[in-house]
C-alpha atoms as a PDB file:
ATOM      1  CA  MET A   1     -82.139 124.182-107.522  1.00  0.00           C
ATOM      2  CA  SER A   2     -85.740 123.808-108.659  1.00  0.00           C
ATOM      3  CA  LEU A   3     -88.164 120.952-108.292  1.00  0.00           C
ATOM      4  CA  ASP A   4     -87.804 118.147-110.837  1.00  0.00           C
ATOM      5  CA  ALA A   5     -89.961 119.069-113.846  1.00  0.00           C
ATOM      6  CA  ALA A   6     -91.635 115.646-114.055  1.00  0.00           C
ATOM      7  CA  LEU A   7     -92.634 115.813-110.389  1.00  0.00           C
ATOM      8  CA  ALA A   8     -93.762 119.428-110.672  1.00  0.00           C
ATOM      9  CA  ALA A   9     -95.983 118.490-113.628  1.00  0.00           C
ATOM     10  CA  ARG A  10     -97.753 115.851-111.515  1.00  0.00           C
ATOM     11  CA  LEU A  11     -98.658 118.240-108.689  1.00  0.00           C
ATOM     12  CA  LYS A  12    -102.187 119.622-108.539  1.00  0.00           C
ATOM     13  CA  ARG A  13    -101.946 122.820-106.538  1.00  0.00           C
ATOM     14  CA  THR A  14    -104.536 125.061-104.918  1.00  0.00           C
ATOM     15  CA  ALA A  15    -105.235 128.441-106.524  1.00  0.00           C
ATOM     16  CA  ASP A  16    -102.430 129.912-104.400  1.00  0.00           C
ATOM     17  CA  GLY A  17     -99.911 127.293-105.591  1.00  0.00           C
ATOM     18  CA  LEU A  18     -99.931 125.039-102.540  1.00  0.00           C
ATOM     19  CA  VAL A  19    -100.272 121.311-101.922  1.00  0.00           C
ATOM     20  CA  PRO A  20    -101.434 119.965 -98.542  1.00  0.00           C
ATOM     21  CA  ALA A  21     -98.874 117.776 -96.781  1.00  0.00           C
ATOM     22  CA  VAL A  22    -100.169 115.245 -94.262  1.00  0.00           C
ATOM     23  CA  VAL A  23     -97.373 114.523 -91.798  1.00  0.00           C
ATOM     24  CA  GLN A  24     -97.098 111.100 -90.189  1.00  0.00           C
ATOM     25  CA  GLN A  25     -94.667 109.508 -87.731  1.00  0.00           C
ATOM     26  CA  HIS A  26     -92.788 107.035 -89.920  1.00  0.00           C
ATOM     27  CA  ASP A  27     -92.633 104.079 -87.518  1.00  0.00           C
ATOM     28  CA  THR A  28     -96.002 104.253 -85.721  1.00  0.00           C
ATOM     29  CA  GLY A  29     -98.281 105.736 -88.387  1.00  0.00           C
ATOM     30  CA  GLU A  30     -99.443 108.448 -85.967  1.00  0.00           C
ATOM     31  CA  VAL A  31    -100.806 111.457 -87.877  1.00  0.00           C
ATOM     32  CA  LEU A  32     -99.006 114.506 -86.528  1.00  0.00           C
ATOM     33  CA  MET A  33    -100.102 117.576 -88.470  1.00  0.00           C
ATOM     34  CA  LEU A  34    -101.071 119.131 -91.776  1.00  0.00           C
ATOM     35  CA  GLY A  35     -98.777 121.604 -93.466  1.00  0.00           C
ATOM     36  CA  TRP A  36     -98.677 123.326 -96.838  1.00  0.00           C
ATOM     37  CA  MET A  37     -95.915 123.147 -99.436  1.00  0.00           C
ATOM     38  CA  ASP A  38     -95.252 124.919-102.683  1.00  0.00           C
ATOM     39  CA  ASP A  39     -92.634 123.726-105.161  1.00  0.00           C
ATOM     40  CA  GLU A  40     -89.807 125.452-103.286  1.00  0.00           C
ATOM     41  CA  ALA A  41     -90.811 124.007 -99.889  1.00  0.00           C
ATOM     42  CA  LEU A  42     -91.061 120.536-101.384  1.00  0.00           C
ATOM     43  CA  GLN A  43     -87.670 120.884-103.075  1.00  0.00           C
ATOM     44  CA  ARG A  44     -86.085 122.063 -99.824  1.00  0.00           C
ATOM     45  CA  THR A  45     -87.680 119.135 -97.976  1.00  0.00           C
ATOM     46  CA  LEU A  46     -86.416 116.604-100.509  1.00  0.00           C
ATOM     47  CA  THR A  47     -82.873 117.984-100.596  1.00  0.00           C
ATOM     48  CA  THR A  48     -82.295 118.778 -96.905  1.00  0.00           C
ATOM     49  CA  GLY A  49     -84.151 115.923 -95.213  1.00  0.00           C
ATOM     50  CA  ARG A  50     -85.892 118.451 -92.944  1.00  0.00           C
ATOM     51  CA  ALA A  51     -89.568 119.261 -93.346  1.00  0.00           C
ATOM     52  CA  THR A  52     -90.040 122.733 -94.835  1.00  0.00           C
ATOM     53  CA  TYR A  53     -93.453 124.346 -95.218  1.00  0.00           C
ATOM     54  CA  TRP A  54     -95.054 127.525 -96.517  1.00  0.00           C
ATOM     55  CA  SER A  55     -96.723 129.493 -93.728  1.00  0.00           C
ATOM     56  CA  ARG A  56     -99.986 130.861 -95.068  1.00  0.00           C
ATOM     57  CA  SER A  57    -100.387 133.202 -92.084  1.00  0.00           C
ATOM     58  CA  ARG A  58     -96.843 134.635 -92.198  1.00  0.00           C
ATOM     59  CA  SER A  59     -96.261 134.285 -95.958  1.00  0.00           C
ATOM     60  CA  GLU A  60     -92.823 132.759 -95.475  1.00  0.00           C
ATOM     61  CA  TYR A  61     -91.026 129.428 -95.463  1.00  0.00           C
ATOM     62  CA  TRP A  62     -90.434 127.695 -92.166  1.00  0.00           C
ATOM     63  CA  VAL A  63     -88.357 124.661 -91.357  1.00  0.00           C
ATOM     64  CA  LYS A  64     -90.045 122.627 -88.658  1.00  0.00           C
ATOM     65  CA  GLY A  65     -87.943 122.859 -85.517  1.00  0.00           C
ATOM     66  CA  ASP A  66     -85.819 125.905 -86.368  1.00  0.00           C
ATOM     67  CA  THR A  67     -87.412 127.956 -83.582  1.00  0.00           C
ATOM     68  CA  SER A  68     -89.013 125.274 -81.386  1.00  0.00           C
ATOM     69  CA  GLY A  69     -86.321 122.602 -81.539  1.00  0.00           C
ATOM     70  CA  HIS A  70     -89.034 120.087 -82.489  1.00  0.00           C
ATOM     71  CA  VAL A  71     -87.396 118.884 -85.693  1.00  0.00           C
ATOM     72  CA  GLN A  72     -89.022 116.675 -88.316  1.00  0.00           C
ATOM     73  CA  TRP A  73     -86.432 114.418 -89.949  1.00  0.00           C
ATOM     74  CA  VAL A  74     -87.937 113.321 -93.255  1.00  0.00           C
ATOM     75  CA  LYS A  75     -87.834 109.582 -93.936  1.00  0.00           C
ATOM     76  CA  GLU A  76     -90.132 109.391 -96.959  1.00  0.00           C
ATOM     77  CA  VAL A  77     -92.334 111.615 -99.141  1.00  0.00           C
ATOM     78  CA  ARG A  78     -95.179 110.218-101.218  1.00  0.00           C
ATOM     79  CA  LEU A  79     -97.577 111.777-103.691  1.00  0.00           C
ATOM     80  CA  ASP A  80    -101.151 110.504-103.699  1.00  0.00           C
ATOM     81  CA  CYS A  81    -102.800 108.997-106.787  1.00  0.00           C
ATOM     82  CA  ASP A  82    -104.435 112.300-107.801  1.00  0.00           C
ATOM     83  CA  GLY A  83    -101.290 114.382-107.310  1.00  0.00           C
ATOM     84  CA  ASP A  84    -103.076 116.749-104.938  1.00  0.00           C
ATOM     85  CA  THR A  85    -101.778 115.651-101.523  1.00  0.00           C
ATOM     86  CA  LEU A  86     -98.372 114.786-100.125  1.00  0.00           C
ATOM     87  CA  LEU A  87     -97.693 112.272 -97.370  1.00  0.00           C
ATOM     88  CA  VAL A  88     -94.560 113.181 -95.438  1.00  0.00           C
ATOM     89  CA  LYS A  89     -93.278 110.452 -93.136  1.00  0.00           C
ATOM     90  CA  VAL A  90     -90.969 111.844 -90.471  1.00  0.00           C
ATOM     91  CA  ASP A  91     -89.114 111.069 -87.298  1.00  0.00           C
ATOM     92  CA  GLN A  92     -90.599 113.731 -85.021  1.00  0.00           C
ATOM     93  CA  GLU A  93     -88.473 115.126 -82.201  1.00  0.00           C
ATOM     94  CA  GLY A  94     -90.746 116.578 -79.514  1.00  0.00           C
ATOM     95  CA  ALA A  95     -94.124 118.131 -80.223  1.00  0.00           C
ATOM     96  CA  ALA A  96     -95.467 118.459 -83.757  1.00  0.00           C
ATOM     97  CA  CYS A  97     -98.244 120.912 -82.867  1.00  0.00           C
ATOM     98  CA  HIS A  98     -97.680 124.616 -82.223  1.00  0.00           C
ATOM     99  CA  THR A  99     -99.696 124.176 -78.990  1.00  0.00           C
ATOM    100  CA  GLY A 100     -96.989 121.903 -77.599  1.00  0.00           C
ATOM    101  CA  ASP A 101     -98.995 118.688 -78.086  1.00  0.00           C
ATOM    102  CA  ARG A 102     -97.397 115.668 -79.703  1.00  0.00           C
ATOM    103  CA  THR A 103     -99.945 115.829 -82.539  1.00  0.00           C
ATOM    104  CA  CYS A 104    -102.353 118.480 -83.809  1.00  0.00           C
ATOM    105  CA  PHE A 105    -105.118 115.864 -83.616  1.00  0.00           C
ATOM    106  CA  ASP A 106    -105.161 115.360 -79.820  1.00  0.00           C
ATOM    107  CA  ALA A 107    -107.663 118.044 -78.875  1.00  0.00           C
ATOM    108  CA  ASP A 108    -111.109 117.125 -80.177  1.00  0.00           C
ATOM    109  CA  ARG A 109    -112.451 113.696 -80.969  1.00  0.00           C
ATOM    110  CA  LEU A 110    -115.647 114.107 -82.955  1.00  0.00           C
ATOM    111  CA  LEU A 111    -116.718 110.470 -83.128  1.00  0.00           C
END
């Protein structure tokens, strides 16, 4: 199954066909991580209810939690006004960051 044509037409992708996906805890608003999706990853996310991303470093799809057990249950997906960023609201089980932290934005506060 491919991504709905009307939705696909609205997406503004990077040169390598990706759209950034900001991931947020649905009930608290906590920003958890940034992932990348292509049309296939977005379609998988919308149809399975589990966050699926494209790994730029490994050049493969990954479903959040398949290896770590830290699943992201998707509650809502929104497209921003320009069509170039997704907001994925999830119920995060365990850590969102590959370092084991709850969020990827715990480490360095710049201001």
